N, C-alpha and C. Protein backbone atom coordinates (compact mmCIF):
# COMPACT_ATOMS: atom_id res chain seq x y z
N MET A 1 2.21 12.57 -11.39
CA MET A 1 1.22 11.54 -11.57
C MET A 1 1.08 10.66 -10.33
N ILE A 2 2.15 10.48 -9.59
CA ILE A 2 2.09 9.64 -8.40
C ILE A 2 1.13 10.24 -7.37
N ASP A 3 1.32 11.50 -7.04
CA ASP A 3 0.44 12.13 -6.06
C ASP A 3 -1.01 12.10 -6.52
N ALA A 4 -1.24 12.34 -7.80
CA ALA A 4 -2.61 12.33 -8.34
C ALA A 4 -3.23 10.94 -8.21
N SER A 5 -2.45 9.89 -8.43
CA SER A 5 -2.96 8.52 -8.30
C SER A 5 -3.31 8.20 -6.85
N LEU A 6 -2.49 8.65 -5.91
CA LEU A 6 -2.79 8.44 -4.50
C LEU A 6 -4.03 9.21 -4.09
N GLU A 7 -4.14 10.43 -4.57
CA GLU A 7 -5.32 11.26 -4.28
C GLU A 7 -6.59 10.62 -4.83
N ARG A 8 -6.50 9.97 -5.98
CA ARG A 8 -7.67 9.30 -6.55
C ARG A 8 -8.18 8.19 -5.64
N VAL A 9 -7.27 7.45 -5.04
CA VAL A 9 -7.68 6.41 -4.09
C VAL A 9 -8.38 7.05 -2.89
N LEU A 10 -7.79 8.10 -2.38
CA LEU A 10 -8.35 8.81 -1.23
C LEU A 10 -9.75 9.32 -1.53
N ALA A 11 -9.95 9.86 -2.72
CA ALA A 11 -11.24 10.40 -3.10
C ALA A 11 -12.28 9.31 -3.39
N ALA A 12 -11.83 8.17 -3.87
CA ALA A 12 -12.75 7.11 -4.30
C ALA A 12 -13.30 6.27 -3.16
N VAL A 13 -12.58 6.22 -2.04
CA VAL A 13 -12.97 5.30 -0.96
C VAL A 13 -13.13 6.09 0.34
N SER A 14 -14.34 6.15 0.83
CA SER A 14 -14.55 6.85 2.09
C SER A 14 -13.93 6.04 3.23
N GLY A 15 -13.41 6.74 4.20
CA GLY A 15 -12.80 6.10 5.36
C GLY A 15 -11.31 5.87 5.25
N VAL A 16 -10.71 6.22 4.09
CA VAL A 16 -9.26 6.06 3.95
C VAL A 16 -8.56 7.17 4.74
N GLU A 17 -7.64 6.78 5.58
CA GLU A 17 -6.93 7.73 6.42
C GLU A 17 -5.57 8.11 5.86
N ALA A 18 -4.99 7.24 5.03
CA ALA A 18 -3.71 7.55 4.39
C ALA A 18 -3.47 6.57 3.25
N VAL A 19 -2.81 7.07 2.21
CA VAL A 19 -2.31 6.24 1.11
C VAL A 19 -0.87 6.65 0.91
N VAL A 20 0.03 5.67 0.92
CA VAL A 20 1.47 5.95 0.93
C VAL A 20 2.17 5.10 -0.12
N LEU A 21 3.10 5.71 -0.86
CA LEU A 21 4.01 4.98 -1.73
C LEU A 21 5.34 4.90 -1.02
N VAL A 22 5.87 3.66 -0.88
CA VAL A 22 7.15 3.45 -0.20
C VAL A 22 8.13 2.74 -1.13
N ASP A 23 9.41 2.99 -0.91
CA ASP A 23 10.42 2.29 -1.70
C ASP A 23 10.82 1.01 -0.98
N GLY A 24 11.76 0.29 -1.56
CA GLY A 24 12.17 -1.01 -1.03
C GLY A 24 12.77 -0.97 0.35
N ASP A 25 13.25 0.20 0.77
CA ASP A 25 13.82 0.35 2.11
C ASP A 25 12.79 0.83 3.12
N GLY A 26 11.54 1.02 2.67
CA GLY A 26 10.49 1.49 3.57
C GLY A 26 10.44 3.00 3.71
N MET A 27 11.16 3.71 2.86
CA MET A 27 11.14 5.18 2.90
C MET A 27 9.91 5.69 2.16
N VAL A 28 9.24 6.66 2.75
CA VAL A 28 8.05 7.24 2.14
C VAL A 28 8.45 8.09 0.94
N ILE A 29 7.89 7.76 -0.22
CA ILE A 29 8.11 8.55 -1.44
C ILE A 29 7.05 9.63 -1.55
N SER A 30 5.81 9.25 -1.27
CA SER A 30 4.69 10.18 -1.35
C SER A 30 3.60 9.68 -0.43
N ALA A 31 2.85 10.61 0.18
CA ALA A 31 1.77 10.23 1.08
C ALA A 31 0.66 11.27 1.01
N VAL A 32 -0.58 10.79 1.08
CA VAL A 32 -1.75 11.67 1.11
C VAL A 32 -2.69 11.19 2.20
N GLY A 33 -3.57 12.07 2.63
CA GLY A 33 -4.58 11.72 3.61
C GLY A 33 -4.33 12.36 4.95
N PRO A 34 -5.33 12.33 5.81
CA PRO A 34 -5.21 12.99 7.11
C PRO A 34 -4.12 12.42 8.02
N ARG A 35 -3.74 11.16 7.85
CA ARG A 35 -2.69 10.56 8.69
C ARG A 35 -1.35 10.46 7.97
N ARG A 36 -1.18 11.16 6.87
CA ARG A 36 0.04 11.01 6.06
C ARG A 36 1.32 11.35 6.84
N ASP A 37 1.23 12.25 7.81
CA ASP A 37 2.43 12.68 8.53
C ASP A 37 2.90 11.66 9.57
N THR A 38 2.10 10.65 9.84
CA THR A 38 2.46 9.67 10.86
C THR A 38 2.79 8.31 10.26
N MET A 39 3.06 8.26 8.97
CA MET A 39 3.17 6.99 8.27
C MET A 39 4.59 6.46 8.10
N GLU A 40 5.60 7.17 8.53
CA GLU A 40 6.98 6.71 8.30
C GLU A 40 7.28 5.38 8.99
N LEU A 41 6.91 5.24 10.25
CA LEU A 41 7.15 3.99 10.97
C LEU A 41 6.29 2.87 10.40
N VAL A 42 5.04 3.17 10.07
CA VAL A 42 4.15 2.17 9.48
C VAL A 42 4.72 1.69 8.15
N ALA A 43 5.19 2.62 7.33
CA ALA A 43 5.74 2.27 6.01
C ALA A 43 6.96 1.37 6.16
N ALA A 44 7.88 1.73 7.03
CA ALA A 44 9.08 0.92 7.22
C ALA A 44 8.72 -0.47 7.75
N SER A 45 7.79 -0.54 8.68
CA SER A 45 7.39 -1.82 9.26
C SER A 45 6.70 -2.72 8.24
N TYR A 46 5.83 -2.14 7.42
CA TYR A 46 5.13 -2.95 6.43
C TYR A 46 6.06 -3.40 5.32
N MET A 47 7.02 -2.60 4.95
CA MET A 47 7.98 -3.04 3.94
C MET A 47 8.82 -4.19 4.48
N ASP A 48 9.15 -4.14 5.76
CA ASP A 48 9.87 -5.25 6.38
C ASP A 48 9.00 -6.52 6.35
N LEU A 49 7.72 -6.40 6.69
CA LEU A 49 6.81 -7.55 6.61
C LEU A 49 6.73 -8.09 5.19
N ALA A 50 6.66 -7.19 4.22
CA ALA A 50 6.56 -7.61 2.81
C ALA A 50 7.81 -8.38 2.39
N ARG A 51 8.98 -7.90 2.77
CA ARG A 51 10.22 -8.61 2.44
C ARG A 51 10.22 -10.01 3.06
N ARG A 52 9.76 -10.12 4.30
CA ARG A 52 9.71 -11.42 4.96
C ARG A 52 8.71 -12.34 4.27
N ALA A 53 7.55 -11.80 3.90
CA ALA A 53 6.54 -12.61 3.21
C ALA A 53 7.07 -13.08 1.86
N LEU A 54 7.74 -12.20 1.13
CA LEU A 54 8.31 -12.58 -0.16
C LEU A 54 9.34 -13.69 0.02
N GLY A 55 10.17 -13.57 1.05
CA GLY A 55 11.17 -14.61 1.33
C GLY A 55 10.51 -15.94 1.69
N ALA A 56 9.45 -15.89 2.48
CA ALA A 56 8.75 -17.11 2.85
C ALA A 56 8.12 -17.77 1.62
N HIS A 57 7.59 -16.96 0.74
CA HIS A 57 6.99 -17.51 -0.49
C HIS A 57 8.06 -18.15 -1.37
N ARG A 58 9.22 -17.50 -1.47
CA ARG A 58 10.33 -18.09 -2.25
C ARG A 58 10.76 -19.41 -1.65
N GLU A 59 10.95 -19.42 -0.32
CA GLU A 59 11.38 -20.63 0.36
C GLU A 59 10.37 -21.76 0.21
N GLY A 60 9.10 -21.42 0.18
CA GLY A 60 8.05 -22.42 0.04
C GLY A 60 7.69 -22.73 -1.40
N ASP A 61 8.46 -22.17 -2.33
CA ASP A 61 8.22 -22.36 -3.76
C ASP A 61 6.79 -21.96 -4.14
N LEU A 62 6.36 -20.82 -3.62
CA LEU A 62 5.04 -20.26 -3.90
C LEU A 62 5.18 -19.03 -4.79
N ALA A 63 4.12 -18.69 -5.47
CA ALA A 63 4.12 -17.46 -6.26
C ALA A 63 4.25 -16.26 -5.33
N ALA A 64 4.91 -15.23 -5.80
CA ALA A 64 5.10 -14.02 -4.99
C ALA A 64 3.75 -13.36 -4.69
N PRO A 65 3.55 -12.94 -3.45
CA PRO A 65 2.30 -12.26 -3.11
C PRO A 65 2.24 -10.87 -3.73
N GLU A 66 1.05 -10.44 -4.07
CA GLU A 66 0.84 -9.10 -4.61
C GLU A 66 0.27 -8.16 -3.56
N GLU A 67 -0.33 -8.74 -2.52
CA GLU A 67 -1.04 -7.92 -1.55
C GLU A 67 -1.05 -8.59 -0.19
N MET A 68 -0.98 -7.77 0.86
CA MET A 68 -1.12 -8.24 2.23
C MET A 68 -2.11 -7.33 2.95
N MET A 69 -2.81 -7.88 3.91
CA MET A 69 -3.77 -7.08 4.66
C MET A 69 -3.79 -7.53 6.11
N LEU A 70 -3.85 -6.58 7.01
CA LEU A 70 -4.07 -6.85 8.42
C LEU A 70 -5.28 -6.03 8.84
N ALA A 71 -6.17 -6.66 9.57
CA ALA A 71 -7.40 -5.97 9.98
C ALA A 71 -7.64 -6.17 11.47
N GLY A 72 -8.29 -5.20 12.05
CA GLY A 72 -8.67 -5.26 13.45
C GLY A 72 -9.89 -4.40 13.67
N PRO A 73 -10.33 -4.29 14.90
CA PRO A 73 -11.55 -3.52 15.17
C PRO A 73 -11.41 -2.03 14.83
N GLY A 74 -10.19 -1.52 14.79
CA GLY A 74 -9.98 -0.11 14.48
C GLY A 74 -9.80 0.17 13.01
N GLY A 75 -9.82 -0.86 12.17
CA GLY A 75 -9.65 -0.65 10.74
C GLY A 75 -8.70 -1.66 10.13
N SER A 76 -8.24 -1.35 8.93
CA SER A 76 -7.39 -2.27 8.17
C SER A 76 -6.22 -1.52 7.56
N VAL A 77 -5.15 -2.27 7.32
CA VAL A 77 -4.01 -1.76 6.56
C VAL A 77 -3.79 -2.73 5.40
N VAL A 78 -3.71 -2.17 4.20
CA VAL A 78 -3.49 -2.98 3.00
C VAL A 78 -2.17 -2.57 2.39
N PHE A 79 -1.34 -3.55 2.07
CA PHE A 79 -0.06 -3.32 1.39
C PHE A 79 -0.13 -3.99 0.03
N ARG A 80 0.21 -3.28 -1.02
CA ARG A 80 0.19 -3.82 -2.38
C ARG A 80 1.55 -3.57 -3.04
N VAL A 81 2.15 -4.62 -3.60
CA VAL A 81 3.42 -4.51 -4.31
C VAL A 81 3.19 -3.74 -5.61
N VAL A 82 4.10 -2.80 -5.89
CA VAL A 82 4.00 -1.99 -7.11
C VAL A 82 5.38 -1.87 -7.73
N GLY A 83 5.49 -2.16 -8.99
CA GLY A 83 6.74 -1.92 -9.71
C GLY A 83 7.96 -2.59 -9.11
N GLY A 84 7.82 -3.79 -8.59
CA GLY A 84 8.98 -4.54 -8.11
C GLY A 84 9.41 -4.16 -6.71
N ASP A 85 10.15 -3.07 -6.57
CA ASP A 85 10.72 -2.68 -5.28
C ASP A 85 9.92 -1.63 -4.54
N TYR A 86 8.71 -1.37 -4.92
CA TYR A 86 7.89 -0.35 -4.28
C TYR A 86 6.61 -0.97 -3.76
N GLY A 87 5.95 -0.23 -2.87
CA GLY A 87 4.68 -0.71 -2.35
C GLY A 87 3.74 0.44 -2.08
N LEU A 88 2.46 0.15 -2.16
CA LEU A 88 1.41 1.08 -1.75
C LEU A 88 0.85 0.59 -0.43
N ILE A 89 0.71 1.48 0.51
CA ILE A 89 0.12 1.16 1.80
C ILE A 89 -1.09 2.07 1.98
N ALA A 90 -2.22 1.48 2.37
CA ALA A 90 -3.41 2.28 2.65
C ALA A 90 -3.94 1.91 4.02
N VAL A 91 -4.31 2.93 4.78
CA VAL A 91 -4.91 2.75 6.09
C VAL A 91 -6.38 3.09 5.96
N LEU A 92 -7.23 2.16 6.36
CA LEU A 92 -8.68 2.31 6.23
C LEU A 92 -9.33 2.24 7.60
N GLY A 93 -10.18 3.20 7.89
CA GLY A 93 -10.92 3.21 9.14
C GLY A 93 -11.92 2.07 9.21
N PRO A 94 -12.52 1.86 10.37
CA PRO A 94 -13.40 0.70 10.56
C PRO A 94 -14.68 0.73 9.71
N ASP A 95 -15.09 1.89 9.25
CA ASP A 95 -16.31 1.98 8.45
C ASP A 95 -16.07 2.02 6.96
N GLY A 96 -14.82 1.92 6.53
CA GLY A 96 -14.48 1.98 5.11
C GLY A 96 -14.79 0.66 4.41
N LEU A 97 -14.86 0.74 3.10
CA LEU A 97 -15.15 -0.43 2.27
C LEU A 97 -13.84 -1.07 1.80
N LEU A 98 -13.50 -2.19 2.41
CA LEU A 98 -12.22 -2.85 2.14
C LEU A 98 -12.10 -3.33 0.70
N GLY A 99 -13.13 -3.92 0.16
CA GLY A 99 -13.09 -4.41 -1.22
C GLY A 99 -12.86 -3.29 -2.21
N LYS A 100 -13.53 -2.17 -1.99
CA LYS A 100 -13.34 -1.01 -2.88
C LYS A 100 -11.92 -0.47 -2.76
N LEU A 101 -11.39 -0.43 -1.55
CA LEU A 101 -10.01 0.03 -1.36
C LEU A 101 -9.04 -0.88 -2.11
N ARG A 102 -9.20 -2.18 -1.99
CA ARG A 102 -8.30 -3.11 -2.68
C ARG A 102 -8.36 -2.90 -4.19
N PHE A 103 -9.56 -2.70 -4.72
CA PHE A 103 -9.74 -2.46 -6.15
C PHE A 103 -9.05 -1.16 -6.57
N GLU A 104 -9.24 -0.10 -5.81
CA GLU A 104 -8.64 1.19 -6.14
C GLU A 104 -7.11 1.15 -6.02
N LEU A 105 -6.59 0.41 -5.06
CA LEU A 105 -5.13 0.26 -4.95
C LEU A 105 -4.57 -0.49 -6.14
N ARG A 106 -5.29 -1.52 -6.61
CA ARG A 106 -4.83 -2.25 -7.80
C ARG A 106 -4.79 -1.31 -9.01
N LYS A 107 -5.80 -0.47 -9.18
CA LYS A 107 -5.81 0.49 -10.29
C LYS A 107 -4.68 1.50 -10.14
N ALA A 108 -4.47 2.00 -8.93
CA ALA A 108 -3.39 2.97 -8.70
C ALA A 108 -2.03 2.33 -8.99
N GLY A 109 -1.85 1.09 -8.59
CA GLY A 109 -0.60 0.40 -8.87
C GLY A 109 -0.35 0.25 -10.35
N ALA A 110 -1.40 -0.01 -11.12
CA ALA A 110 -1.26 -0.13 -12.58
C ALA A 110 -0.87 1.21 -13.20
N ARG A 111 -1.34 2.30 -12.62
CA ARG A 111 -0.98 3.62 -13.14
C ARG A 111 0.44 4.02 -12.75
N ILE A 112 0.81 3.72 -11.51
CA ILE A 112 2.10 4.15 -10.97
C ILE A 112 3.25 3.25 -11.40
N GLY A 113 3.01 1.94 -11.51
CA GLY A 113 4.06 0.98 -11.80
C GLY A 113 4.94 1.34 -12.98
N PRO A 114 4.37 1.66 -14.15
CA PRO A 114 5.21 2.02 -15.29
C PRO A 114 6.08 3.26 -15.06
N GLU A 115 5.55 4.19 -14.29
CA GLU A 115 6.34 5.39 -13.97
C GLU A 115 7.54 5.07 -13.10
N LEU A 116 7.39 4.09 -12.22
CA LEU A 116 8.49 3.71 -11.33
C LEU A 116 9.56 2.91 -12.07
N GLN A 117 9.18 2.24 -13.13
CA GLN A 117 10.12 1.44 -13.92
C GLN A 117 11.04 2.30 -14.79
N SER A 118 10.61 3.52 -15.10
CA SER A 118 11.42 4.35 -16.01
C SER A 118 12.50 5.12 -15.31
């Protein structure tokens, strides 16, 4: 079901270059898309950023973030927390629809989250 959920994001949003499920240590659990083979360093780096952001939110007595995004002229990377210690990372090219990607990642997280809890 995990691979199918990632594939659904890839199919639903044009311009997606990779969708990756990572564990709390930044290890790739599953990846789809044309750039899936180059995502190990990206996954580890984004999980490190997520841990730092979560820590900053705790220190600032803020609600835990559910999503982070970095964008530039070459595209965007979206990280979404899933099932506590896991995350979804999506790489979107410059012509992709960011809002649609965020929506599809939220749906994928809702499908995958319960599976990761069991």
